[in-house]
Protein backbone atom coordinates (compact mmCIF):
# COMPACT_ATOMS: atom_id res chain seq x y z
CA MET A 1 34.55 -37.05 -14.94
CA LYS A 2 33.68 -34.59 -12.20
CA LYS A 3 30.51 -35.41 -10.26
CA ILE A 4 27.90 -32.77 -9.35
CA PRO A 5 27.74 -32.20 -5.58
CA ASP A 6 24.91 -33.53 -3.48
CA ILE A 7 21.71 -31.44 -3.28
CA ASN A 8 22.25 -30.90 0.47
CA ASP A 9 25.65 -29.34 -0.19
CA ILE A 10 24.21 -27.10 -2.89
CA ASN A 11 21.27 -25.98 -0.73
CA ARG A 12 23.73 -24.14 1.48
CA ASN A 13 24.65 -21.87 -1.44
CA SER A 14 22.86 -18.59 -2.01
CA ASP A 15 20.93 -18.02 -5.22
CA GLU A 16 23.69 -15.78 -6.50
CA GLU A 17 26.32 -18.46 -5.81
CA LEU A 18 24.19 -20.96 -7.69
CA VAL A 19 24.00 -18.58 -10.65
CA LYS A 20 27.81 -18.32 -10.70
CA LEU A 21 28.13 -22.11 -10.54
CA THR A 22 25.59 -22.50 -13.34
CA LEU A 23 27.44 -20.00 -15.52
CA SER A 24 30.58 -22.10 -15.11
CA LYS A 25 28.83 -25.48 -15.50
CA GLN A 26 25.32 -25.71 -16.92
CA ASP A 27 24.46 -28.85 -14.92
CA TYR A 28 23.99 -26.65 -11.84
CA PHE A 29 20.90 -25.11 -13.41
CA LEU A 30 18.99 -28.16 -12.19
CA PHE A 31 19.53 -26.93 -8.62
CA ILE A 32 18.04 -23.54 -9.47
CA MET A 33 15.03 -25.30 -10.99
CA LYS A 34 14.59 -27.52 -7.93
CA ARG A 35 14.81 -24.52 -5.61
CA TYR A 36 12.17 -22.52 -7.47
CA GLU A 37 9.82 -24.94 -9.23
CA ASN A 38 7.21 -25.25 -6.45
CA LYS A 39 7.31 -21.56 -5.50
CA LEU A 40 6.92 -20.37 -9.08
CA LEU A 41 4.22 -22.91 -9.91
CA ARG A 42 2.17 -21.72 -6.91
CA TYR A 43 2.73 -18.11 -7.99
CA ILE A 44 1.57 -18.84 -11.55
CA LEU A 45 -1.54 -20.63 -10.28
CA ARG A 46 -2.38 -17.81 -7.88
CA ILE A 47 -2.23 -15.00 -10.42
CA SER A 48 -3.80 -16.83 -13.34
CA ASN A 49 -6.95 -18.69 -14.25
CA ILE A 50 -5.27 -21.61 -15.95
CA SER A 51 -5.14 -25.31 -15.20
CA ARG A 52 -2.24 -26.89 -13.36
CA GLU A 53 -1.12 -28.53 -16.60
CA ASP A 54 -1.03 -25.16 -18.39
CA ALA A 55 0.75 -23.62 -15.40
CA GLU A 56 3.40 -26.34 -15.61
CA ASP A 57 3.86 -25.51 -19.31
CA LEU A 58 4.33 -21.84 -18.41
CA LEU A 59 6.80 -22.84 -15.70
CA GLN A 60 8.82 -24.74 -18.29
CA GLU A 61 8.80 -21.60 -20.45
CA VAL A 62 9.99 -19.58 -17.44
CA PHE A 63 12.95 -21.89 -16.85
CA ILE A 64 13.90 -21.75 -20.53
CA LYS A 65 13.90 -17.93 -20.41
CA VAL A 66 15.85 -17.92 -17.14
CA TYR A 67 18.48 -20.24 -18.61
CA GLN A 68 18.73 -18.23 -21.83
CA ASN A 69 19.11 -14.93 -19.95
CA LEU A 70 21.22 -16.05 -17.00
CA ASN A 71 24.25 -14.15 -18.34
CA ASP A 72 22.17 -10.95 -18.17
CA PHE A 73 21.25 -11.36 -14.50
CA ASP A 74 22.13 -8.14 -12.69
CA GLN A 75 24.05 -9.10 -9.54
CA LYS A 76 22.77 -5.91 -7.85
CA LEU A 77 19.25 -7.38 -7.75
CA LYS A 78 18.04 -10.31 -5.72
CA PHE A 79 17.87 -13.41 -7.88
CA SER A 80 14.42 -14.24 -6.50
CA SER A 81 13.10 -10.85 -7.68
CA TRP A 82 14.63 -11.42 -11.10
CA ILE A 83 13.14 -14.90 -11.54
CA TYR A 84 9.73 -13.75 -10.27
CA ARG A 85 9.87 -10.88 -12.77
CA ILE A 86 10.49 -13.32 -15.62
CA THR A 87 7.61 -15.47 -14.34
CA HIS A 88 5.36 -12.41 -14.17
CA ASN A 89 6.25 -11.52 -17.77
CA VAL A 90 5.62 -15.05 -19.03
CA VAL A 91 2.18 -15.10 -17.36
CA ILE A 92 1.31 -11.68 -18.81
CA ASP A 93 2.51 -12.75 -22.27
CA ASN A 94 0.34 -15.84 -22.00
CA PHE A 95 -2.70 -13.76 -21.14
CA ARG A 96 -2.03 -11.47 -24.05
CA ARG A 97 -1.90 -14.52 -26.30
CA ILE A 98 -5.27 -15.77 -25.09
CA ARG A 99 -6.67 -12.24 -24.62
CA ALA A 100 -7.65 -12.78 -21.00
CA ARG A 101 -6.79 -10.94 -17.82
CA PRO A 102 -5.06 -12.71 -14.94
CA GLU A 103 -7.50 -13.78 -12.29
CA ILE A 104 -7.26 -15.94 -9.24
CA VAL A 105 -9.98 -18.52 -9.63
CA ASN A 106 -9.97 -21.09 -6.89
CA LEU A 107 -8.74 -19.91 -3.53
CA ASP A 108 -7.64 -22.87 -1.50
CA GLN A 109 -7.57 -23.14 2.26
CA GLU A 110 -3.96 -21.93 2.45
CA ILE A 111 -4.82 -18.70 0.67
CA ASN A 112 -7.91 -18.17 2.79
CA ASP A 113 -5.85 -18.67 5.94
CA LYS A 114 -3.15 -16.26 4.75
CA VAL A 115 -5.72 -13.62 3.76
CA LEU A 116 -7.35 -13.98 7.15
CA GLU A 117 -4.02 -13.87 8.98
CA ASN A 118 -2.52 -10.92 7.09
CA ILE A 119 -5.52 -8.68 6.57
CA LYS A 120 -7.98 -9.29 9.39
CA SER A 121 -6.26 -6.79 11.67
CA ASP A 122 -7.17 -4.06 9.18
CA PHE A 123 -10.84 -5.04 9.48
CA ASP A 124 -10.93 -4.67 13.27
CA ILE A 125 -13.15 -7.75 13.41
CA SER A 126 -14.31 -9.08 16.73
CA ARG A 127 -13.31 -12.60 17.73
CA GLU A 128 -16.95 -13.74 17.85
CA ILE A 129 -17.30 -13.75 14.04
CA ASP A 130 -17.62 -17.19 12.58
CA ILE A 131 -14.34 -17.99 10.78
CA LYS A 132 -16.07 -19.92 8.01
CA TYR A 133 -18.30 -16.97 7.22
CA LEU A 134 -15.26 -14.71 7.21
CA ARG A 135 -13.32 -17.00 4.84
CA ASP A 136 -16.24 -17.28 2.43
CA ALA A 137 -16.80 -13.53 2.48
CA MET A 138 -13.11 -12.80 1.95
CA GLU A 139 -12.91 -15.26 -0.95
CA LYS A 140 -15.85 -13.55 -2.69
CA ILE A 141 -14.32 -10.13 -2.12
CA PHE A 142 -10.91 -11.29 -3.36
CA LYS A 143 -12.45 -12.56 -6.60
CA LYS A 144 -13.99 -9.12 -7.23
CA ILE A 145 -10.81 -7.10 -6.75
CA ASP A 146 -9.05 -5.73 -9.80
CA GLY A 147 -6.08 -7.78 -11.09
CA LYS A 148 -3.51 -5.12 -10.23
CA TYR A 149 -4.54 -5.36 -6.58
CA LYS A 150 -4.63 -9.17 -6.58
CA GLU A 151 -1.11 -9.36 -7.88
CA VAL A 152 0.42 -7.13 -5.20
CA LEU A 153 -1.55 -8.92 -2.49
CA VAL A 154 -0.39 -12.33 -3.75
CA LEU A 155 3.24 -11.19 -3.89
CA ARG A 156 3.12 -9.48 -0.48
CA PHE A 157 1.02 -11.85 1.61
CA PHE A 158 1.27 -15.22 -0.15
CA GLU A 159 4.80 -15.07 -1.56
CA ASP A 160 6.13 -13.00 1.39
CA LYS A 161 7.94 -10.55 -0.88
CA SER A 162 9.16 -7.22 0.46
CA TYR A 163 8.00 -3.94 -1.05
CA GLU A 164 11.42 -3.63 -2.72
CA GLU A 165 11.13 -7.10 -4.27
CA ILE A 166 7.59 -6.40 -5.49
CA SER A 167 8.88 -3.17 -6.98
CA ASP A 168 11.61 -5.10 -8.84
CA ILE A 169 9.17 -7.78 -9.99
CA LEU A 170 6.46 -5.43 -11.25
CA LYS A 171 8.86 -2.66 -12.35
CA LYS A 172 6.90 -0.05 -10.41
CA PRO A 173 8.17 2.43 -7.82
CA ILE A 174 7.99 1.36 -4.17
CA GLY A 175 5.56 4.23 -3.49
CA THR A 176 3.21 2.84 -6.14
CA ILE A 177 3.44 -0.63 -4.61
CA SER A 178 2.64 0.78 -1.18
CA THR A 179 -0.31 2.70 -2.62
CA LEU A 180 -1.63 -0.38 -4.44
CA ILE A 181 -1.42 -2.51 -1.28
CA ASN A 182 -3.12 0.17 0.82
CA ARG A 183 -5.88 0.63 -1.77
CA ALA A 184 -6.41 -3.12 -1.98
CA LYS A 185 -6.76 -3.32 1.81
CA LYS A 186 -9.26 -0.42 1.75
CA LYS A 187 -11.26 -2.11 -1.00
CA PHE A 188 -11.31 -5.29 1.08
CA LYS A 189 -12.49 -3.37 4.11
CA GLY A 190 -15.10 -1.43 2.14
CA GLU A 191 -16.52 -4.57 0.55
CA PHE A 192 -16.51 -6.40 3.86
CA VAL A 193 -18.36 -3.63 5.67
CA LYS A 194 -21.07 -3.72 2.95
CA ARG A 195 -21.83 -7.36 3.76
């Protein structure tokens, strides 16, 4: 009986190589799950208002859909964009089922730090501003922003996705993605200036 290689050996493979291995031997799917479980769980929690337990259930649904549709993966796309797109669709389907809109509810310190790091240059804020005040203000503003803006900001600044990847994930043109990100930044700035 042939043994599955060690995780360290597999980690050297690209996503696309892992897909090919999985298509030849289903046991390799475990390595795809291990590679993406934490990233996708964080993504689900960031774009939804559900508990961690419910997010884990959605993640399980994501992996089932990924496994069922692995033969349909288009090798021209990045695998990460494809799996994030499936995750996005599962989250949206869940919200349709419970008739709620995706919202980010509890911003943790990591998100606050990333928001501060990635957006503060657009605010032209002086260094004398108290960082705690800034984090609190940004968290309140982020909660007010429309879901379509939250999602692109989460993908761009928290998941470090390129405009092309966000375009693949959300199935929107790159120009639209750019516009959404710019509008979200302007809304942030406008709300911040009001304070």
